[in-house]
Amino acid sequence: MQAVVLGADDRFRVTEIAEPTPGHGEVAIRVAYAGVQWGDVLIRDGHFPTPRPFVPGFEASGEIIAVGEGVDPARVGEQVIALTGSGAFAEVAVVSSVLAIAAPTVDPRTAAAFGWVTPTAYDLINTVAGVRPGQSVLIHAAAGGVGTLAGQFARAAGAGRVVGVVGDPGQADHARKVGYDQALSREEFPQALDGEHFDVILDPIGGQTRLANLGRLAPHGRIVVYGNIATFEPVSVSANDLLMQGASMLTYNSNLLSRTDPERLADSARRAVELVANGKVGIEITAEYEPADVEKAIADLAGGATHGKSVIRIG
């Protein structure tokens, strides 16, 4: 079969490799589309040590064509969203059966774009932050894959005001189109908020932005940290200062959750599928690439050239 392979020279190439077979508790999927996500950038840049050659890709849509030991054979033929640890940029991918989420009413292109970002956005709003009706929410990277969905999940949870921060001013209009009440650029944050405070802040940025977020928290507010787009340098936060405001700093790691409690992640994914399937939450795909263009797709994401979600057409 053909697959995109990351070689020892850090280049991506379409290569012929052996087709994988599912092991115990796994299924094999004939991939239709694969999603592009920030994990692909981190792998490319060496932040996660991976053996080379390596088949990248962490999310896919397609049809189950084979099952391993311990998996119901009746699942063959099922249309699924697959959350993988690798291998999605290939004609056939193997994934844990638990993280092959049935999605019969979601088209394959949207199903690939669903990927990790949709259950992540669902969990950030509903499971971790626990957004309640009437609360105010501030979301950084609002024009990105998670951000465009988190704003919608916040609205579905009853948030009273949802504000987004985007990487550059050109993305502000896009954020407003997907439902944000206000969208401002990172350069405008926090001055443009004119002293406004928020019950919930989603922060994948890190660094000085993380510190500035503390000053924007309302009493009993929650900051949810789920990435470090700007810098991996640690930020020190005083627990005493948080205590005085009754505030909390929480973290979320979907990759860790997939390994420690995959059924919990799958449950969130199924809940998110329902909201997507019934039209309450929309997934916007803004770019589609061929396998030969994976390197460009990842570079476009890293450089901020794309917003929303990008997919690779495999099948």
Protein backbone atom coordinates (compact mmCIF):
# COMPACT_ATOMS: atom_id res chain seq x y z
CA MET A 1 0.00 0.00 0.00
CA GLN A 2 1.02 3.64 -0.30
CA ALA A 3 1.73 5.79 2.72
CA VAL A 4 3.32 9.12 3.57
CA VAL A 5 6.60 8.37 5.37
CA LEU A 6 8.72 10.77 7.41
CA GLY A 7 12.34 9.80 6.80
CA ALA A 8 15.55 10.24 8.75
CA ASP A 9 16.20 13.40 6.72
CA ASP A 10 12.98 14.96 8.12
CA ARG A 11 11.30 14.90 4.71
CA PHE A 12 7.87 13.49 3.89
CA ARG A 13 7.59 11.14 0.91
CA VAL A 14 4.85 8.93 -0.52
CA THR A 15 6.27 5.41 -0.29
CA GLU A 16 5.14 1.82 -0.84
CA ILE A 17 5.06 -0.11 2.46
CA ALA A 18 3.53 -3.33 3.79
CA GLU A 19 -0.15 -3.16 4.74
CA PRO A 20 -0.63 -3.44 8.53
CA THR A 21 -2.85 -6.06 10.14
CA PRO A 22 -4.87 -5.50 13.32
CA GLY A 23 -3.73 -7.10 16.57
CA HIS A 24 -5.72 -7.86 19.70
CA GLY A 25 -8.35 -5.19 20.32
CA GLU A 26 -7.59 -3.39 17.06
CA VAL A 27 -9.29 -2.75 13.74
CA ALA A 28 -7.90 -2.01 10.28
CA ILE A 29 -9.46 0.89 8.39
CA ARG A 30 -9.45 1.66 4.69
CA VAL A 31 -8.71 5.38 4.98
CA ALA A 32 -10.83 7.84 3.02
CA TYR A 33 -9.50 11.10 4.48
CA ALA A 34 -6.99 12.01 7.17
CA GLY A 35 -6.96 15.16 9.29
CA VAL A 36 -4.00 17.51 9.75
CA GLN A 37 -3.38 18.65 13.32
CA TRP A 38 -0.82 20.32 15.59
CA GLY A 39 0.66 16.97 16.59
CA ASP A 40 1.95 16.65 13.02
CA VAL A 41 3.83 19.92 13.49
CA LEU A 42 5.35 18.72 16.77
CA ILE A 43 6.49 15.45 15.17
CA ARG A 44 8.02 17.31 12.23
CA ASP A 45 9.86 19.70 14.55
CA GLY A 46 11.24 16.91 16.76
CA HIS A 47 9.33 17.73 19.96
CA PHE A 48 8.19 14.10 20.20
CA PRO A 49 10.96 11.50 19.73
CA THR A 50 9.80 9.06 17.06
CA PRO A 51 11.69 6.30 15.24
CA ARG A 52 12.31 6.90 11.55
CA PRO A 53 10.94 5.96 9.11
CA PHE A 54 7.58 6.95 10.59
CA VAL A 55 4.09 7.07 9.09
CA PRO A 56 2.47 10.22 10.53
CA GLY A 57 -1.18 11.11 10.82
CA PHE A 58 -3.30 10.90 13.98
CA GLU A 59 -6.89 11.03 12.73
CA ALA A 60 -8.76 9.44 9.87
CA SER A 61 -12.13 8.46 8.50
CA GLY A 62 -12.92 5.30 6.62
CA GLU A 63 -14.38 1.82 6.65
CA ILE A 64 -13.35 -1.03 8.93
CA ILE A 65 -12.02 -3.80 6.68
CA ALA A 66 -10.64 -6.22 9.27
CA VAL A 67 -10.72 -6.79 13.04
CA GLY A 68 -8.24 -8.30 15.44
CA GLU A 69 -8.77 -10.83 18.19
CA GLY A 70 -11.35 -9.75 20.75
CA VAL A 71 -13.22 -7.40 18.40
CA ASP A 72 -16.75 -8.14 17.16
CA PRO A 73 -16.48 -9.25 13.49
CA ALA A 74 -19.78 -7.48 12.85
CA ARG A 75 -17.84 -4.21 12.91
CA VAL A 76 -16.40 -4.96 9.46
CA GLY A 77 -18.00 -2.51 7.05
CA GLU A 78 -18.63 0.12 9.74
CA GLN A 79 -17.95 3.75 8.82
CA VAL A 80 -15.82 5.27 11.57
CA ILE A 81 -13.83 8.19 12.86
CA ALA A 82 -10.42 6.85 13.90
CA LEU A 83 -8.19 8.45 16.55
CA THR A 84 -4.74 6.94 16.11
CA GLY A 85 -1.25 7.16 17.59
CA SER A 86 0.25 7.20 14.07
CA GLY A 87 -0.29 5.87 10.59
CA ALA A 88 -3.34 7.82 9.36
CA PHE A 89 -1.53 9.17 6.29
CA ALA A 90 -1.79 5.77 4.59
CA GLU A 91 -4.25 3.74 2.56
CA VAL A 92 -4.81 1.40 5.53
CA ALA A 93 -4.43 2.33 9.20
CA VAL A 94 -4.68 0.23 12.36
CA VAL A 95 -6.34 1.71 15.45
CA SER A 96 -7.66 0.61 18.82
CA SER A 97 -11.24 -0.56 18.40
CA VAL A 98 -12.27 1.67 21.32
CA LEU A 99 -11.09 4.75 19.43
CA ALA A 100 -12.76 3.77 16.17
CA ILE A 101 -15.95 5.77 16.70
CA ALA A 102 -19.01 4.81 14.66
CA ALA A 103 -20.13 7.75 12.52
CA PRO A 104 -22.60 6.40 9.93
CA THR A 105 -24.36 9.75 9.43
CA VAL A 106 -21.23 11.94 9.09
CA ASP A 107 -19.68 12.24 5.63
CA PRO A 108 -16.09 10.90 5.39
CA ARG A 109 -14.50 14.30 4.76
CA THR A 110 -16.14 15.84 7.83
CA ALA A 111 -15.43 12.68 9.83
CA ALA A 112 -11.68 13.05 9.19
CA ALA A 113 -11.81 16.72 10.17
CA PHE A 114 -13.64 15.69 13.37
CA GLY A 115 -10.40 14.03 14.51
CA TRP A 116 -8.95 14.79 17.92
CA VAL A 117 -9.98 18.45 17.85
CA THR A 118 -13.70 17.84 18.27
CA PRO A 119 -13.66 15.62 21.38
CA THR A 120 -10.88 17.87 22.72
CA ALA A 121 -13.02 20.98 22.26
CA TYR A 122 -16.02 19.16 23.74
CA ASP A 123 -14.04 18.08 26.82
CA LEU A 124 -12.42 21.50 27.31
CA ILE A 125 -15.82 23.17 27.51
CA ASN A 126 -17.99 20.50 29.10
CA THR A 127 -15.76 18.13 31.08
CA VAL A 128 -12.83 20.25 32.27
CA ALA A 129 -14.12 23.83 32.43
CA GLY A 130 -17.72 22.85 33.12
CA VAL A 131 -19.17 25.90 31.35
CA ARG A 132 -22.60 26.74 32.75
CA PRO A 133 -25.44 28.81 31.28
CA GLY A 134 -24.76 32.53 31.32
CA GLN A 135 -21.01 32.27 31.94
CA SER A 136 -18.46 34.19 29.87
CA VAL A 137 -15.74 32.37 27.93
CA LEU A 138 -12.47 33.59 26.37
CA ILE A 139 -10.82 31.27 23.84
CA HIS A 140 -7.32 31.71 22.41
CA ALA A 141 -6.41 30.38 18.93
CA ALA A 142 -10.08 30.96 18.13
CA ALA A 143 -9.62 30.51 14.37
CA GLY A 144 -7.86 27.16 14.74
CA GLY A 145 -9.29 23.65 14.65
CA VAL A 146 -10.04 23.43 18.38
CA GLY A 147 -10.94 27.10 18.69
CA THR A 148 -13.63 27.17 16.00
CA LEU A 149 -15.31 24.20 17.70
CA ALA A 150 -14.81 25.26 21.31
CA GLY A 151 -16.71 28.48 20.66
CA GLN A 152 -19.64 26.47 19.30
CA PHE A 153 -19.58 24.00 22.20
CA ALA A 154 -19.52 26.93 24.62
CA ARG A 155 -22.59 28.37 22.93
CA ALA A 156 -24.31 24.97 23.01
CA ALA A 157 -23.55 24.79 26.77
CA GLY A 158 -25.37 28.09 27.27
CA ALA A 159 -22.45 30.52 27.58
CA GLY A 160 -23.64 34.11 27.73
CA ARG A 161 -20.64 35.74 25.99
CA VAL A 162 -17.91 34.08 23.94
CA VAL A 163 -14.80 36.06 22.94
CA GLY A 164 -11.98 34.79 20.73
CA VAL A 165 -8.33 35.75 20.35
CA VAL A 166 -6.70 35.00 16.97
CA GLY A 167 -3.10 34.89 15.81
CA ASP A 168 -3.36 37.72 13.28
CA PRO A 169 -5.99 40.36 12.47
CA GLY A 170 -6.91 38.66 9.19
CA GLN A 171 -8.43 35.74 11.11
CA ALA A 172 -10.79 37.88 13.20
CA ASP A 173 -13.56 37.92 10.59
CA HIS A 174 -13.40 34.14 10.35
CA ALA A 175 -13.80 33.80 14.12
CA ARG A 176 -16.82 36.09 14.11
CA LYS A 177 -18.40 34.04 11.31
CA VAL A 178 -18.25 30.86 13.40
CA GLY A 179 -20.13 32.51 16.25
CA TYR A 180 -17.78 34.54 18.45
CA ASP A 181 -19.35 37.69 19.91
CA GLN A 182 -16.02 39.48 19.63
CA ALA A 183 -12.69 38.54 18.04
CA LEU A 184 -9.41 40.34 18.61
CA SER A 185 -5.84 39.75 17.53
CA ARG A 186 -3.13 38.57 19.90
CA GLU A 187 -1.54 42.04 19.71
CA GLU A 188 -4.80 43.55 21.00
CA PHE A 189 -4.98 41.18 23.97
CA PRO A 190 -5.67 42.06 26.73
CA GLN A 191 -5.91 45.85 26.27
CA ALA A 192 -8.90 45.70 23.90
CA LEU A 193 -10.96 43.88 26.53
CA ASP A 194 -11.20 47.11 28.53
CA GLY A 195 -11.00 45.40 31.92
CA GLU A 196 -13.46 42.60 31.10
CA HIS A 197 -13.12 39.36 33.09
CA PHE A 198 -14.15 35.82 32.18
CA ASP A 199 -15.44 32.75 33.97
CA VAL A 200 -13.52 30.40 31.67
CA ILE A 201 -10.37 30.93 29.57
CA LEU A 202 -8.97 28.30 27.19
CA ASP A 203 -5.20 28.69 26.76
CA PRO A 204 -3.11 26.69 24.25
CA ILE A 205 -0.58 29.54 23.91
CA GLY A 206 1.64 29.64 27.00
CA GLY A 207 4.32 32.14 28.01
CA GLN A 208 3.31 35.73 28.72
CA THR A 209 -0.18 35.10 27.35
CA ARG A 210 -0.74 32.58 30.15
CA LEU A 211 0.24 35.15 32.73
CA ALA A 212 -1.97 37.80 31.14
CA ASN A 213 -4.89 35.37 31.27
CA LEU A 214 -4.64 35.27 35.06
CA GLY A 215 -5.46 38.96 35.13
CA ARG A 216 -8.58 38.37 33.03
CA LEU A 217 -10.12 35.73 35.33
CA ALA A 218 -13.32 36.49 37.19
CA PRO A 219 -13.62 35.29 40.81
CA HIS A 220 -13.97 31.49 40.79
CA GLY A 221 -12.84 31.46 37.16
CA ARG A 222 -11.04 28.58 35.45
CA ILE A 223 -8.08 28.65 33.06
CA VAL A 224 -7.76 25.45 31.04
CA VAL A 225 -4.27 24.82 29.62
CA TYR A 226 -3.98 22.38 26.73
CA GLY A 227 -0.92 23.40 24.71
CA ASN A 228 2.14 25.62 24.28
CA ILE A 229 1.94 27.17 20.82
CA ALA A 230 4.09 30.19 21.67
CA THR A 231 6.74 28.63 23.90
CA PHE A 232 7.53 25.51 25.92
CA GLU A 233 9.18 27.63 28.62
CA PRO A 234 7.42 26.94 31.94
CA VAL A 235 5.26 29.59 33.59
CA SER A 236 5.13 29.85 37.38
CA VAL A 237 1.74 30.50 38.96
CA SER A 238 1.15 31.14 42.66
CA ALA A 239 -1.39 28.78 44.20
CA ASN A 240 -1.89 31.41 46.94
CA ASP A 241 -2.91 34.01 44.34
CA LEU A 242 -5.37 31.55 42.79
CA LEU A 243 -6.78 30.74 46.21
CA MET A 244 -7.49 34.38 47.02
CA GLN A 245 -9.72 34.59 43.95
CA GLY A 246 -11.14 31.06 44.24
CA ALA A 247 -9.66 30.54 40.75
CA SER A 248 -8.35 27.33 39.19
CA MET A 249 -5.76 26.38 36.57
CA LEU A 250 -6.64 23.07 34.94
CA THR A 251 -4.94 21.04 32.22
CA TYR A 252 -6.14 18.66 29.54
CA ASN A 253 -4.11 16.11 27.55
CA SER A 254 -6.16 14.11 25.06
CA ASN A 255 -3.18 11.98 24.03
CA LEU A 256 -2.63 10.90 27.64
CA LEU A 257 -6.35 10.29 28.08
CA SER A 258 -6.37 8.00 25.03
CA ARG A 259 -3.76 5.81 26.76
CA THR A 260 -5.02 5.92 30.35
CA ASP A 261 -8.79 5.99 29.87
CA PRO A 262 -9.65 5.56 26.18
CA GLU A 263 -13.28 4.70 26.93
CA ARG A 264 -13.75 8.10 28.56
CA LEU A 265 -12.33 9.82 25.48
CA ALA A 266 -14.51 7.66 23.23
CA ASP A 267 -17.59 8.62 25.25
CA SER A 268 -16.85 12.32 24.75
CA ALA A 269 -16.27 11.67 21.05
CA ARG A 270 -19.65 9.94 20.73
CA ARG A 271 -21.39 12.87 22.44
CA ALA A 272 -19.63 15.27 20.09
CA VAL A 273 -20.60 13.14 17.05
CA GLU A 274 -24.25 13.55 18.03
CA LEU A 275 -23.92 17.35 18.09
CA VAL A 276 -22.15 17.36 14.72
CA ALA A 277 -24.60 14.92 13.13
CA ASN A 278 -27.65 16.95 14.19
CA GLY A 279 -26.13 20.22 12.99
CA LYS A 280 -25.72 21.91 16.39
CA VAL A 281 -21.95 22.09 15.86
CA GLY A 282 -20.35 22.56 12.45
CA ILE A 283 -16.84 21.53 11.38
CA GLU A 284 -15.37 23.89 8.81
CA ILE A 285 -12.84 22.43 6.39
CA THR A 286 -10.82 25.21 4.81
CA ALA A 287 -8.09 23.27 2.98
CA GLU A 288 -7.73 19.90 1.27
CA TYR A 289 -4.43 18.36 0.14
CA GLU A 290 -3.12 15.30 -1.69
CA PRO A 291 -0.73 12.85 0.04
CA ALA A 292 2.20 14.26 -1.94
CA ASP A 293 1.48 17.66 -0.37
CA VAL A 294 1.56 16.61 3.30
CA GLU A 295 4.72 18.64 3.92
CA LYS A 296 2.98 21.77 2.63
CA ALA A 297 -0.17 21.01 4.63
CA ILE A 298 1.82 20.82 7.87
CA ALA A 299 3.86 23.93 7.01
CA ASP A 300 0.66 25.87 6.25
CA LEU A 301 -0.77 24.89 9.63
CA ALA A 302 2.44 25.78 11.49
CA GLY A 303 2.72 29.12 9.71
CA GLY A 304 -0.88 30.15 10.32
CA ALA A 305 -1.77 30.10 6.62
CA THR A 306 -4.87 28.00 7.31
CA HIS A 307 -7.73 28.35 9.75
CA GLY A 308 -10.41 25.87 10.69
CA LYS A 309 -9.45 22.33 9.69
CA SER A 310 -7.32 20.84 6.91
CA VAL A 311 -7.65 17.30 5.51
CA ILE A 312 -5.64 14.96 3.27
CA ARG A 313 -7.60 13.02 0.64
CA ILE A 314 -6.29 9.46 0.87
CA GLY A 315 -8.91 7.15 -0.70
